[in-house]
Amino acid sequence: LQWAMQLRDNTGEGAEIIYFLSDGFDLDSDSSAKFVNELQSLRASLVPNAALHTIGFGSQPEDCHMLQSLAHNTGGTFTELK
């Protein structure tokens, strides 16, 4: 995600939309919160207007909650695929 946020087009503009697809994470609740905070900080500094759309496939409920939170906090949407 950091790499996606650092990408620029020929005019120097960053992404307006980023899609993040995951089958889950091996994180405890503290690590999950740290991950979300780091992503939000990166977004704020690199692409503050980018919407982060998240897609969870076969993810555990805790992972879906984190993906949903990331999407909601950035103006994106969360989609769950089972």
C-alpha atoms as a PDB file:
ATOM      1  CA  LEU A   1       0.000   0.000   0.000  1.00  0.00           C
ATOM      2  CA  GLN A   2       2.852   2.369   0.702  1.00  0.00           C
ATOM      3  CA  TRP A   3       4.203   1.773  -2.801  1.00  0.00           C
ATOM      4  CA  ALA A   4       0.754   2.457  -4.303  1.00  0.00           C
ATOM      5  CA  MET A   5       0.499   5.679  -2.327  1.00  0.00           C
ATOM      6  CA  GLN A   6       3.929   6.798  -3.537  1.00  0.00           C
ATOM      7  CA  LEU A   7       3.155   6.293  -7.237  1.00  0.00           C
ATOM      8  CA  ARG A   8       2.777   9.436  -9.335  1.00  0.00           C
ATOM      9  CA  ASP A   9       1.538  10.004 -12.863  1.00  0.00           C
ATOM     10  CA  ASN A  10       3.312  12.137 -15.478  1.00  0.00           C
ATOM     11  CA  THR A  11       1.952  15.322 -13.919  1.00  0.00           C
ATOM     12  CA  GLY A  12       3.122  14.369 -10.425  1.00  0.00           C
ATOM     13  CA  GLU A  13      -0.353  13.549  -9.132  1.00  0.00           C
ATOM     14  CA  GLY A  14      -0.885  10.637  -6.766  1.00  0.00           C
ATOM     15  CA  ALA A  15      -3.656   8.073  -6.790  1.00  0.00           C
ATOM     16  CA  GLU A  16      -7.263   9.114  -6.354  1.00  0.00           C
ATOM     17  CA  ILE A  17      -8.451   5.560  -5.694  1.00  0.00           C
ATOM     18  CA  ILE A  18      -6.604   2.571  -4.290  1.00  0.00           C
ATOM     19  CA  TYR A  19      -7.996  -0.970  -4.147  1.00  0.00           C
ATOM     20  CA  PHE A  20      -6.705  -3.199  -1.359  1.00  0.00           C
ATOM     21  CA  LEU A  21      -7.499  -6.912  -1.588  1.00  0.00           C
ATOM     22  CA  SER A  22      -6.712  -9.252   1.305  1.00  0.00           C
ATOM     23  CA  ASP A  23      -7.544 -12.721   2.571  1.00  0.00           C
ATOM     24  CA  GLY A  24      -6.765 -11.658   6.121  1.00  0.00           C
ATOM     25  CA  PHE A  25      -3.990 -10.760   8.498  1.00  0.00           C
ATOM     26  CA  ASP A  26      -1.984 -12.478  11.204  1.00  0.00           C
ATOM     27  CA  LEU A  27      -2.255  -9.549  13.590  1.00  0.00           C
ATOM     28  CA  ASP A  28      -3.412  -9.221  17.166  1.00  0.00           C
ATOM     29  CA  SER A  29      -5.641  -6.295  18.128  1.00  0.00           C
ATOM     30  CA  ASP A  30      -2.697  -4.023  19.050  1.00  0.00           C
ATOM     31  CA  SER A  31      -0.900  -4.775  15.779  1.00  0.00           C
ATOM     32  CA  SER A  32      -4.123  -4.230  13.828  1.00  0.00           C
ATOM     33  CA  ALA A  33      -4.598  -0.796  15.375  1.00  0.00           C
ATOM     34  CA  LYS A  34      -0.960   0.083  14.646  1.00  0.00           C
ATOM     35  CA  PHE A  35      -1.364  -1.072  11.018  1.00  0.00           C
ATOM     36  CA  VAL A  36      -4.488   1.060  10.534  1.00  0.00           C
ATOM     37  CA  ASN A  37      -2.831   4.109  12.121  1.00  0.00           C
ATOM     38  CA  GLU A  38       0.280   3.739   9.957  1.00  0.00           C
ATOM     39  CA  LEU A  39      -1.815   3.469   6.790  1.00  0.00           C
ATOM     40  CA  GLN A  40      -3.852   6.508   7.733  1.00  0.00           C
ATOM     41  CA  SER A  41      -0.666   8.495   8.397  1.00  0.00           C
ATOM     42  CA  LEU A  42       0.829   7.423   5.070  1.00  0.00           C
ATOM     43  CA  ARG A  43      -2.348   8.350   3.245  1.00  0.00           C
ATOM     44  CA  ALA A  44      -2.487  11.736   4.963  1.00  0.00           C
ATOM     45  CA  SER A  45       1.063  12.571   3.920  1.00  0.00           C
ATOM     46  CA  LEU A  46       1.168  11.012   0.438  1.00  0.00           C
ATOM     47  CA  VAL A  47      -2.365  10.968  -1.042  1.00  0.00           C
ATOM     48  CA  PRO A  48      -4.711  12.706   1.392  1.00  0.00           C
ATOM     49  CA  ASN A  49      -7.659  12.703  -1.005  1.00  0.00           C
ATOM     50  CA  ALA A  50      -7.377   9.085  -2.143  1.00  0.00           C
ATOM     51  CA  ALA A  51     -10.239   6.732  -1.359  1.00  0.00           C
ATOM     52  CA  LEU A  52      -9.151   3.306  -0.167  1.00  0.00           C
ATOM     53  CA  HIS A  53     -11.565   0.597  -1.312  1.00  0.00           C
ATOM     54  CA  THR A  54     -10.998  -2.665   0.534  1.00  0.00           C
ATOM     55  CA  ILE A  55     -11.976  -6.188  -0.442  1.00  0.00           C
ATOM     56  CA  GLY A  56     -11.781  -9.104   1.956  1.00  0.00           C
ATOM     57  CA  PHE A  57     -12.101 -12.634   0.627  1.00  0.00           C
ATOM     58  CA  GLY A  58     -12.456 -15.472   3.078  1.00  0.00           C
ATOM     59  CA  SER A  59     -11.330 -13.115   5.851  1.00  0.00           C
ATOM     60  CA  GLN A  60     -12.062 -13.599   9.528  1.00  0.00           C
ATOM     61  CA  PRO A  61     -14.574 -11.210  11.141  1.00  0.00           C
ATOM     62  CA  GLU A  62     -11.795  -9.217  12.892  1.00  0.00           C
ATOM     63  CA  ASP A  63      -9.993  -8.729   9.582  1.00  0.00           C
ATOM     64  CA  CYS A  64     -13.213  -7.658   7.873  1.00  0.00           C
ATOM     65  CA  HIS A  65     -13.777  -5.116  10.632  1.00  0.00           C
ATOM     66  CA  MET A  66     -10.309  -3.665  10.070  1.00  0.00           C
ATOM     67  CA  LEU A  67     -10.800  -3.519   6.284  1.00  0.00           C
ATOM     68  CA  GLN A  68     -14.212  -1.930   6.768  1.00  0.00           C
ATOM     69  CA  SER A  69     -12.719   0.666   9.110  1.00  0.00           C
ATOM     70  CA  LEU A  70      -9.935   1.514   6.633  1.00  0.00           C
ATOM     71  CA  ALA A  71     -12.430   1.990   3.829  1.00  0.00           C
ATOM     72  CA  HIS A  72     -14.849   4.014   5.920  1.00  0.00           C
ATOM     73  CA  ASN A  73     -12.122   6.344   7.233  1.00  0.00           C
ATOM     74  CA  THR A  74     -10.895   7.137   3.719  1.00  0.00           C
ATOM     75  CA  GLY A  75     -14.191   7.548   1.876  1.00  0.00           C
ATOM     76  CA  GLY A  76     -13.929   4.115   0.303  1.00  0.00           C
ATOM     77  CA  THR A  77     -16.115   1.039   0.404  1.00  0.00           C
ATOM     78  CA  PHE A  78     -15.621  -2.417   1.854  1.00  0.00           C
ATOM     79  CA  THR A  79     -16.666  -5.556   0.002  1.00  0.00           C
ATOM     80  CA  GLU A  80     -16.640  -8.998   1.575  1.00  0.00           C
ATOM     81  CA  LEU A  81     -16.299 -12.044  -0.649  1.00  0.00           C
ATOM     82  CA  LYS A  82     -16.940 -15.443   0.868  1.00  0.00           C
END
